[in-house]
PDB file of N, CA and C in Angstrom:
ATOM      1  N   MET A   1      88.716  98.696  99.668  1.00  0.00           N
ATOM      2  CA  MET A   1      89.283  98.873  98.343  1.00  0.00           C
ATOM      3  C   MET A   1      90.360  99.958  98.414  1.00  0.00           C
ATOM      4  N   VAL A   2      91.477  99.715  97.762  1.00  0.00           N
ATOM      5  CA  VAL A   2      92.603 100.635  97.784  1.00  0.00           C
ATOM      6  C   VAL A   2      92.647 101.391  96.460  1.00  0.00           C
ATOM      7  N   ALA A   3      92.752 102.702  96.546  1.00  0.00           N
ATOM      8  CA  ALA A   3      92.871 103.526  95.342  1.00  0.00           C
ATOM      9  C   ALA A   3      94.330 103.559  94.907  1.00  0.00           C
ATOM     10  N   ILE A   4      94.547 103.395  93.629  1.00  0.00           N
ATOM     11  CA  ILE A   4      95.902 103.430  93.087  1.00  0.00           C
ATOM     12  C   ILE A   4      96.123 104.801  92.464  1.00  0.00           C
ATOM     13  N   HIS A   5      97.188 105.448  92.863  1.00  0.00           N
ATOM     14  CA  HIS A   5      97.521 106.779  92.359  1.00  0.00           C
ATOM     15  C   HIS A   5      98.706 106.645  91.404  1.00  0.00           C
ATOM     16  N   ILE A   6      98.461 106.785  90.122  1.00  0.00           N
ATOM     17  CA  ILE A   6      99.500 106.604  89.119  1.00  0.00           C
ATOM     18  C   ILE A   6      99.949 107.972  88.609  1.00  0.00           C
ATOM     19  N   GLU A   7     101.255 108.181  88.614  1.00  0.00           N
ATOM     20  CA  GLU A   7     101.814 109.409  88.084  1.00  0.00           C
ATOM     21  C   GLU A   7     102.708 109.067  86.902  1.00  0.00           C
ATOM     22  N   THR A   8     102.854 110.024  86.026  1.00  0.00           N
ATOM     23  CA  THR A   8     103.753 109.881  84.893  1.00  0.00           C
ATOM     24  C   THR A   8     104.497 111.190  84.726  1.00  0.00           C
ATOM     25  N   ARG A   9     105.500 111.206  83.910  1.00  0.00           N
ATOM     26  CA  ARG A   9     106.226 112.444  83.616  1.00  0.00           C
ATOM     27  C   ARG A   9     105.749 112.993  82.280  1.00  0.00           C
ATOM     28  N   CYS A  10     105.538 114.285  82.243  1.00  0.00           N
ATOM     29  CA  CYS A  10     105.111 114.947  81.012  1.00  0.00           C
ATOM     30  C   CYS A  10     106.274 114.927  80.014  1.00  0.00           C
ATOM     31  N   PRO A  11     106.030 114.550  78.758  1.00  0.00           N
ATOM     32  CA  PRO A  11     107.113 114.506  77.770  1.00  0.00           C
ATOM     33  C   PRO A  11     107.624 115.887  77.375  1.00  0.00           C
ATOM     34  N   LEU A  12     106.873 116.944  77.692  1.00  0.00           N
ATOM     35  CA  LEU A  12     107.309 118.293  77.332  1.00  0.00           C
ATOM     36  C   LEU A  12     108.050 118.997  78.469  1.00  0.00           C
ATOM     37  N   CYS A  13     107.428 119.049  79.656  1.00  0.00           N
ATOM     38  CA  CYS A  13     108.031 119.792  80.763  1.00  0.00           C
ATOM     39  C   CYS A  13     108.745 118.884  81.760  1.00  0.00           C
ATOM     40  N   HIS A  14     108.537 117.586  81.665  1.00  0.00           N
ATOM     41  CA  HIS A  14     109.158 116.567  82.510  1.00  0.00           C
ATOM     42  C   HIS A  14     108.725 116.629  83.971  1.00  0.00           C
ATOM     43  N   ARG A  15     107.656 117.378  84.262  1.00  0.00           N
ATOM     44  CA  ARG A  15     107.104 117.383  85.618  1.00  0.00           C
ATOM     45  C   ARG A  15     106.344 116.095  85.850  1.00  0.00           C
ATOM     46  N   SER A  16     106.242 115.710  87.100  1.00  0.00           N
ATOM     47  CA  SER A  16     105.436 114.566  87.474  1.00  0.00           C
ATOM     48  C   SER A  16     103.970 114.987  87.423  1.00  0.00           C
ATOM     49  N   VAL A  17     103.137 114.181  86.749  1.00  0.00           N
ATOM     50  CA  VAL A  17     101.728 114.519  86.562  1.00  0.00           C
ATOM     51  C   VAL A  17     100.862 113.418  87.169  1.00  0.00           C
ATOM     52  N   PRO A  18     100.091 113.745  88.212  1.00  0.00           N
ATOM     53  CA  PRO A  18      99.202 112.741  88.812  1.00  0.00           C
ATOM     54  C   PRO A  18      98.146 112.277  87.818  1.00  0.00           C
ATOM     55  N   GLY A  19      97.699 111.049  87.960  1.00  0.00           N
ATOM     56  CA  GLY A  19      96.743 110.455  87.035  1.00  0.00           C
ATOM     57  C   GLY A  19      95.442 111.216  86.890  1.00  0.00           C
ATOM     58  N   ASP A  20      95.004 111.904  87.940  1.00  0.00           N
ATOM     59  CA  ASP A  20      93.715 112.591  87.865  1.00  0.00           C
ATOM     60  C   ASP A  20      93.754 113.886  87.067  1.00  0.00           C
ATOM     61  N   VAL A  21      94.934 114.385  86.706  1.00  0.00           N
ATOM     62  CA  VAL A  21      95.018 115.611  85.900  1.00  0.00           C
ATOM     63  C   VAL A  21      95.720 115.396  84.562  1.00  0.00           C
ATOM     64  N   GLN A  22      96.077 114.159  84.246  1.00  0.00           N
ATOM     65  CA  GLN A  22      96.748 113.883  82.978  1.00  0.00           C
ATOM     66  C   GLN A  22      95.808 114.132  81.808  1.00  0.00           C
ATOM     67  N   HIS A  23      96.349 114.708  80.764  1.00  0.00           N
ATOM     68  CA  HIS A  23      95.628 114.849  79.507  1.00  0.00           C
ATOM     69  C   HIS A  23      96.260 113.873  78.523  1.00  0.00           C
ATOM     70  N   TRP A  24      95.437 113.022  77.931  1.00  0.00           N
ATOM     71  CA  TRP A  24      95.929 112.021  76.986  1.00  0.00           C
ATOM     72  C   TRP A  24      95.663 112.482  75.567  1.00  0.00           C
ATOM     73  N   CYS A  25      96.666 112.388  74.728  1.00  0.00           N
ATOM     74  CA  CYS A  25      96.536 112.741  73.320  1.00  0.00           C
ATOM     75  C   CYS A  25      96.279 111.470  72.514  1.00  0.00           C
ATOM     76  N   ARG A  26      95.775 111.641  71.302  1.00  0.00           N
ATOM     77  CA  ARG A  26      95.531 110.483  70.426  1.00  0.00           C
ATOM     78  C   ARG A  26      96.828 109.775  70.041  1.00  0.00           C
ATOM     79  N   CYS A  27      97.962 110.443  70.179  1.00  0.00           N
ATOM     80  CA  CYS A  27      99.241 109.806  69.846  1.00  0.00           C
ATOM     81  C   CYS A  27      99.721 108.885  70.965  1.00  0.00           C
ATOM     82  N   GLY A  28      99.029 108.880  72.099  1.00  0.00           N
ATOM     83  CA  GLY A  28      99.372 107.973  73.183  1.00  0.00           C
ATOM     84  C   GLY A  28     100.172 108.582  74.312  1.00  0.00           C
ATOM     85  N   LYS A  29     100.468 109.868  74.236  1.00  0.00           N
ATOM     86  CA  LYS A  29     101.244 110.518  75.293  1.00  0.00           C
ATOM     87  C   LYS A  29     100.313 111.116  76.346  1.00  0.00           C
ATOM     88  N   ALA A  30     100.686 110.932  77.609  1.00  0.00           N
ATOM     89  CA  ALA A  30      99.990 111.576  78.720  1.00  0.00           C
ATOM     90  C   ALA A  30     100.826 112.764  79.138  1.00  0.00           C
ATOM     91  N   MET A  31     100.173 113.900  79.361  1.00  0.00           N
ATOM     92  CA  MET A  31     100.951 115.095  79.679  1.00  0.00           C
ATOM     93  C   MET A  31     100.248 116.007  80.656  1.00  0.00           C
ATOM     94  N   ASP A  32     101.003 116.968  81.130  1.00  0.00           N
ATOM     95  CA  ASP A  32     100.512 118.010  82.012  1.00  0.00           C
ATOM     96  C   ASP A  32      99.451 118.806  81.249  1.00  0.00           C
ATOM     97  N   PRO A  33      98.363 119.184  81.910  1.00  0.00           N
ATOM     98  CA  PRO A  33      97.320 119.931  81.198  1.00  0.00           C
ATOM     99  C   PRO A  33      97.816 121.245  80.594  1.00  0.00           C
ATOM    100  N   ARG A  34      98.828 121.848  81.204  1.00  0.00           N
ATOM    101  CA  ARG A  34      99.361 123.112  80.671  1.00  0.00           C
ATOM    102  C   ARG A  34     100.146 122.895  79.390  1.00  0.00           C
ATOM    103  N   CYS A  35     100.654 121.690  79.184  1.00  0.00           N
ATOM    104  CA  CYS A  35     101.448 121.393  77.991  1.00  0.00           C
ATOM    105  C   CYS A  35     100.609 120.823  76.853  1.00  0.00           C
ATOM    106  N   TYR A  36      99.404 120.399  77.139  1.00  0.00           N
ATOM    107  CA  TYR A  36      98.577 119.731  76.145  1.00  0.00           C
ATOM    108  C   TYR A  36      98.364 120.589  74.897  1.00  0.00           C
ATOM    109  N   ASP A  37      98.031 121.858  75.069  1.00  0.00           N
ATOM    110  CA  ASP A  37      97.806 122.739  73.915  1.00  0.00           C
ATOM    111  C   ASP A  37      99.088 122.976  73.128  1.00  0.00           C
ATOM    112  N   ALA A  38     100.204 123.113  73.808  1.00  0.00           N
ATOM    113  CA  ALA A  38     101.482 123.324  73.119  1.00  0.00           C
ATOM    114  C   ALA A  38     101.868 122.101  72.295  1.00  0.00           C
ATOM    115  N   HIS A  39     101.508 120.936  72.770  1.00  0.00           N
ATOM    116  CA  HIS A  39     101.821 119.678  72.083  1.00  0.00           C
ATOM    117  C   HIS A  39     101.040 119.536  70.773  1.00  0.00           C
ATOM    118  N   GLY A  40      99.880 120.135  70.700  1.00  0.00           N
ATOM    119  CA  GLY A  40      98.998 119.965  69.543  1.00  0.00           C
ATOM    120  C   GLY A  40      99.623 120.296  68.205  1.00  0.00           C
ATOM    121  N   ASP A  41     100.450 121.321  68.151  1.00  0.00           N
ATOM    122  CA  ASP A  41     101.040 121.746  66.878  1.00  0.00           C
ATOM    123  C   ASP A  41     102.016 120.730  66.301  1.00  0.00           C
ATOM    124  N   TRP A  42     102.752 120.035  67.154  1.00  0.00           N
ATOM    125  CA  TRP A  42     103.761 119.093  66.649  1.00  0.00           C
ATOM    126  C   TRP A  42     103.420 117.638  66.897  1.00  0.00           C
ATOM    127  N   CYS A  43     102.200 117.380  67.330  1.00  0.00           N
ATOM    128  CA  CYS A  43     101.759 116.008  67.571  1.00  0.00           C
ATOM    129  C   CYS A  43     101.841 115.187  66.283  1.00  0.00           C
ATOM    130  N   ALA A  44     102.358 113.973  66.393  1.00  0.00           N
ATOM    131  CA  ALA A  44     102.518 113.098  65.227  1.00  0.00           C
ATOM    132  C   ALA A  44     101.182 112.692  64.625  1.00  0.00           C
ATOM    133  N   VAL A  45     100.099 112.770  65.399  1.00  0.00           N
ATOM    134  CA  VAL A  45      98.790 112.332  64.917  1.00  0.00           C
ATOM    135  C   VAL A  45      97.911 113.496  64.476  1.00  0.00           C
ATOM    136  N   ARG A  46      97.881 114.569  65.240  1.00  0.00           N
ATOM    137  CA  ARG A  46      96.913 115.624  64.964  1.00  0.00           C
ATOM    138  C   ARG A  46      97.511 116.994  64.658  1.00  0.00           C
ATOM    139  N   GLY A  47      98.819 117.121  64.599  1.00  0.00           N
ATOM    140  CA  GLY A  47      99.438 118.429  64.442  1.00  0.00           C
ATOM    141  C   GLY A  47      99.731 118.831  63.012  1.00  0.00           C
ATOM    142  N   ASP A  48      99.778 120.156  62.808  1.00  0.00           N
ATOM    143  CA  ASP A  48     100.155 120.699  61.504  1.00  0.00           C
ATOM    144  C   ASP A  48     101.624 120.399  61.196  1.00  0.00           C
ATOM    145  N   ASP A  49     102.437 120.391  62.235  1.00  0.00           N
ATOM    146  CA  ASP A  49     103.853 120.064  62.093  1.00  0.00           C
ATOM    147  C   ASP A  49     104.110 118.662  62.626  1.00  0.00           C
ATOM    148  N   GLY A  50     103.255 117.722  62.259  1.00  0.00           N
ATOM    149  CA  GLY A  50     103.330 116.362  62.773  1.00  0.00           C
ATOM    150  C   GLY A  50     104.626 115.653  62.493  1.00  0.00           C
ATOM    151  N   TRP A  51     105.332 116.061  61.474  1.00  0.00           N
ATOM    152  CA  TRP A  51     106.612 115.417  61.170  1.00  0.00           C
ATOM    153  C   TRP A  51     107.600 115.607  62.308  1.00  0.00           C
ATOM    154  N   ILE A  52     107.498 116.745  63.046  1.00  0.00           N
ATOM    155  CA  ILE A  52     108.374 116.980  64.195  1.00  0.00           C
ATOM    156  C   ILE A  52     108.053 115.958  65.289  1.00  0.00           C
ATOM    157  N   GLY A  53     106.777 115.768  65.573  1.00  0.00           N
ATOM    158  CA  GLY A  53     106.360 114.796  66.580  1.00  0.00           C
ATOM    159  C   GLY A  53     106.732 113.387  66.194  1.00  0.00           C
ATOM    160  N   ALA A  54     106.670 113.093  64.903  1.00  0.00           N
ATOM    161  CA  ALA A  54     107.049 111.756  64.436  1.00  0.00           C
ATOM    162  C   ALA A  54     108.523 111.502  64.685  1.00  0.00           C
ATOM    163  N   LEU A  55     109.354 112.525  64.529  1.00  0.00           N
ATOM    164  CA  LEU A  55     110.784 112.370  64.790  1.00  0.00           C
ATOM    165  C   LEU A  55     111.065 112.205  66.274  1.00  0.00           C
ATOM    166  N   GLU A  56     110.229 112.798  67.125  1.00  0.00           N
ATOM    167  CA  GLU A  56     110.417 112.723  68.569  1.00  0.00           C
ATOM    168  C   GLU A  56     110.125 111.320  69.096  1.00  0.00           C
ATOM    169  N   ARG A  57     109.290 110.545  68.405  1.00  0.00           N
ATOM    170  CA  ARG A  57     108.923 109.207  68.852  1.00  0.00           C
ATOM    171  C   ARG A  57     110.111 108.356  68.744  1.00  0.00           C
TER     172      ARG A  57
END
């Protein structure tokens, strides 16, 4: 069996993030674990300033 290693780019810092350390938000974005908390404030789904995240989509 072959393991598939999927990476994505963080929408905040644009670093490549391996699948095993990605943090997924309810808005559907996968991000670097260091950026996850910063994303919370402007997230379109769960943030206090969600209107900012909605504009980013």
